[in-house]
C-alpha atoms as a PDB file:
ATOM      1  CA  MET A   1     -35.769  -0.195   1.369  1.00  0.00           C
ATOM      2  CA  ILE A   2     -32.671  -1.617   3.847  1.00  0.00           C
ATOM      3  CA  SER A   3     -29.957   1.253   3.987  1.00  0.00           C
ATOM      4  CA  GLN A   4     -26.101   0.228   4.818  1.00  0.00           C
ATOM      5  CA  LEU A   5     -24.837   1.158   8.250  1.00  0.00           C
ATOM      6  CA  TYR A   6     -21.491   2.178   8.924  1.00  0.00           C
ATOM      7  CA  TYR A   7     -19.831   2.725  12.516  1.00  0.00           C
ATOM      8  CA  LEU A   8     -17.586   5.340  13.369  1.00  0.00           C
ATOM      9  CA  LEU A   9     -15.771   6.472  16.403  1.00  0.00           C
ATOM     10  CA  ARG A  10     -16.291   9.456  18.313  1.00  0.00           C
ATOM     11  CA  SER A  11     -14.296  11.205  20.871  1.00  0.00           C
ATOM     12  CA  ARG A  12     -16.549  11.838  24.289  1.00  0.00           C
ATOM     13  CA  ALA A  13     -14.544  14.509  24.983  1.00  0.00           C
ATOM     14  CA  ASP A  14     -14.614  16.943  21.989  1.00  0.00           C
ATOM     15  CA  GLY A  15     -16.787  15.410  19.521  1.00  0.00           C
ATOM     16  CA  SER A  16     -13.545  14.713  17.223  1.00  0.00           C
ATOM     17  CA  TYR A  17     -13.834  11.433  15.220  1.00  0.00           C
ATOM     18  CA  LEU A  18     -11.189   8.851  14.706  1.00  0.00           C
ATOM     19  CA  VAL A  19      -9.185   9.310  11.812  1.00  0.00           C
ATOM     20  CA  ALA A  20      -5.834   7.706  10.173  1.00  0.00           C
ATOM     21  CA  HIS A  21      -3.147   9.269   9.109  1.00  0.00           C
ATOM     22  CA  PRO A  22      -1.026   6.846   6.776  1.00  0.00           C
ATOM     23  CA  HIS A  23       2.560   7.087   6.210  1.00  0.00           C
ATOM     24  CA  GLY A  24       4.114   9.248   3.706  1.00  0.00           C
ATOM     25  CA  GLN A  25       1.284  11.472   3.870  1.00  0.00           C
ATOM     26  CA  GLY A  26       2.086  15.380   4.552  1.00  0.00           C
ATOM     27  CA  ASP A  27       4.891  17.909   4.033  1.00  0.00           C
ATOM     28  CA  PRO A  28       6.832  19.250   7.024  1.00  0.00           C
ATOM     29  CA  GLY A  29       6.400  22.533   5.758  1.00  0.00           C
ATOM     30  CA  GLN A  30       2.411  22.138   5.523  1.00  0.00           C
ATOM     31  CA  PRO A  31      -0.084  21.939   8.173  1.00  0.00           C
ATOM     32  CA  ALA A  32      -1.395  18.555   9.356  1.00  0.00           C
ATOM     33  CA  PRO A  33      -3.657  16.894   6.503  1.00  0.00           C
ATOM     34  CA  THR A  34      -7.093  15.954   8.310  1.00  0.00           C
ATOM     35  CA  GLY A  35      -7.015  11.975   7.589  1.00  0.00           C
ATOM     36  CA  PHE A  36      -9.163   9.392   6.551  1.00  0.00           C
ATOM     37  CA  LEU A  37     -11.878   8.744   8.622  1.00  0.00           C
ATOM     38  CA  LEU A  38     -11.931   5.324  10.186  1.00  0.00           C
ATOM     39  CA  VAL A  39     -15.374   3.520   9.119  1.00  0.00           C
ATOM     40  CA  PHE A  40     -16.331   0.077  10.792  1.00  0.00           C
ATOM     41  CA  THR A  41     -19.063  -2.267   8.922  1.00  0.00           C
ATOM     42  CA  ALA A  42     -20.071  -3.368  13.008  1.00  0.00           C
ATOM     43  CA  ASP A  43     -19.850  -1.849  16.006  1.00  0.00           C
ATOM     44  CA  TYR A  44     -18.201  -4.790  17.732  1.00  0.00           C
ATOM     45  CA  ASP A  45     -15.380  -3.952  15.034  1.00  0.00           C
ATOM     46  CA  ALA A  46     -14.980  -0.575  16.336  1.00  0.00           C
ATOM     47  CA  LEU A  47     -14.609  -1.730  19.975  1.00  0.00           C
ATOM     48  CA  SER A  48     -12.372  -4.517  19.054  1.00  0.00           C
ATOM     49  CA  TYR A  49     -10.577  -2.017  17.254  1.00  0.00           C
ATOM     50  CA  LEU A  50      -9.941   0.217  20.153  1.00  0.00           C
ATOM     51  CA  ASN A  51      -9.354  -2.689  22.657  1.00  0.00           C
ATOM     52  CA  ALA A  52      -6.788  -4.038  20.469  1.00  0.00           C
ATOM     53  CA  HIS A  53      -4.791  -1.214  19.587  1.00  0.00           C
ATOM     54  CA  ALA A  54      -5.701   1.388  22.239  1.00  0.00           C
ATOM     55  CA  PRO A  55      -7.250  -0.289  25.665  1.00  0.00           C
ATOM     56  CA  ASP A  56      -6.723   2.884  27.695  1.00  0.00           C
ATOM     57  CA  LEU A  57      -8.612   5.401  25.010  1.00  0.00           C
ATOM     58  CA  SER A  58     -11.542   2.857  25.248  1.00  0.00           C
ATOM     59  CA  ASP A  59     -14.435   4.372  27.535  1.00  0.00           C
ATOM     60  CA  LYS A  60     -12.851   7.821  25.516  1.00  0.00           C
ATOM     61  CA  PHE A  61     -14.659   7.117  22.699  1.00  0.00           C
ATOM     62  CA  ALA A  62     -18.349   6.267  22.100  1.00  0.00           C
ATOM     63  CA  VAL A  63     -19.911   4.615  18.778  1.00  0.00           C
ATOM     64  CA  GLU A  64     -21.879   6.225  16.432  1.00  0.00           C
ATOM     65  CA  THR A  65     -24.035   5.098  13.329  1.00  0.00           C
ATOM     66  CA  VAL A  66     -24.184   6.216  10.182  1.00  0.00           C
ATOM     67  CA  THR A  67     -26.006   5.577   7.048  1.00  0.00           C
ATOM     68  CA  ALA A  68     -23.997   4.954   3.769  1.00  0.00           C
ATOM     69  CA  SER A  69     -25.502   8.058   2.045  1.00  0.00           C
ATOM     70  CA  SER A  70     -24.537  10.279   4.764  1.00  0.00           C
ATOM     71  CA  LEU A  71     -20.566   9.466   4.794  1.00  0.00           C
ATOM     72  CA  LYS A  72     -20.151  11.746   1.740  1.00  0.00           C
ATOM     73  CA  PRO A  73     -21.330  14.733   3.401  1.00  0.00           C
ATOM     74  CA  MET A  74     -20.120  14.475   6.345  1.00  0.00           C
ATOM     75  CA  ILE A  75     -16.312  13.597   4.448  1.00  0.00           C
ATOM     76  CA  GLY A  76     -17.062  16.955   3.185  1.00  0.00           C
ATOM     77  CA  ARG A  77     -18.365  19.057   6.129  1.00  0.00           C
ATOM     78  CA  TRP A  78     -15.324  18.065   8.123  1.00  0.00           C
ATOM     79  CA  SER A  79     -12.798  18.156   5.471  1.00  0.00           C
ATOM     80  CA  PHE A  80     -11.344  14.736   5.825  1.00  0.00           C
ATOM     81  CA  GLN A  81      -9.235  13.233   2.608  1.00  0.00           C
ATOM     82  CA  GLY A  82     -11.342  10.512   2.494  1.00  0.00           C
ATOM     83  CA  LEU A  83     -12.618   7.117   4.392  1.00  0.00           C
ATOM     84  CA  GLY A  84     -10.279   4.093   5.751  1.00  0.00           C
ATOM     85  CA  MET A  85     -12.757   1.242   5.492  1.00  0.00           C
ATOM     86  CA  VAL A  86     -11.516  -0.950   8.173  1.00  0.00           C
ATOM     87  CA  ASN A  87     -11.349  -4.758   6.901  1.00  0.00           C
ATOM     88  CA  ASP A  88      -9.957  -6.540   9.961  1.00  0.00           C
ATOM     89  CA  ALA A  89     -10.107  -4.754  13.510  1.00  0.00           C
ATOM     90  CA  ARG A  90      -7.340  -6.859  15.043  1.00  0.00           C
ATOM     91  CA  LEU A  91      -4.396  -6.761  12.446  1.00  0.00           C
ATOM     92  CA  PRO A  92      -5.276  -3.533  11.780  1.00  0.00           C
ATOM     93  CA  GLU A  93      -6.095  -3.861   7.702  1.00  0.00           C
ATOM     94  CA  VAL A  94      -7.398  -0.605   6.361  1.00  0.00           C
ATOM     95  CA  GLU A  95      -8.590   0.015   3.103  1.00  0.00           C
ATOM     96  CA  PHE A  96      -8.218   3.616   2.210  1.00  0.00           C
ATOM     97  CA  PHE A  97     -10.675   5.642  -0.634  1.00  0.00           C
ATOM     98  CA  ASN A  98      -9.763   9.403  -1.014  1.00  0.00           C
ATOM     99  CA  ARG A  99     -12.696  11.640  -1.381  1.00  0.00           C
ATOM    100  CA  SER A 100     -11.909  12.863  -5.054  1.00  0.00           C
END
């Protein structure tokens, strides 16, 4: 059985994952939400995303491969709000899914 693979961007400095904070999220009086884990369907899409939107940071991140079955526990363990599936790395076009 072949498992679907997904690709994440992880900081080489502190091990944190690249997350998105969509506009309109959060209350100024509250702590910042943890955000949505950005997920890519190909390793080259993850690298393309970095090169297009943060070329000066591209050497500070590594691409990490995860299986579909390990995404849900990872979102819970890191307390992410959900995941952001990047459909087009260049635009970017991201579809957000809440954890609940």
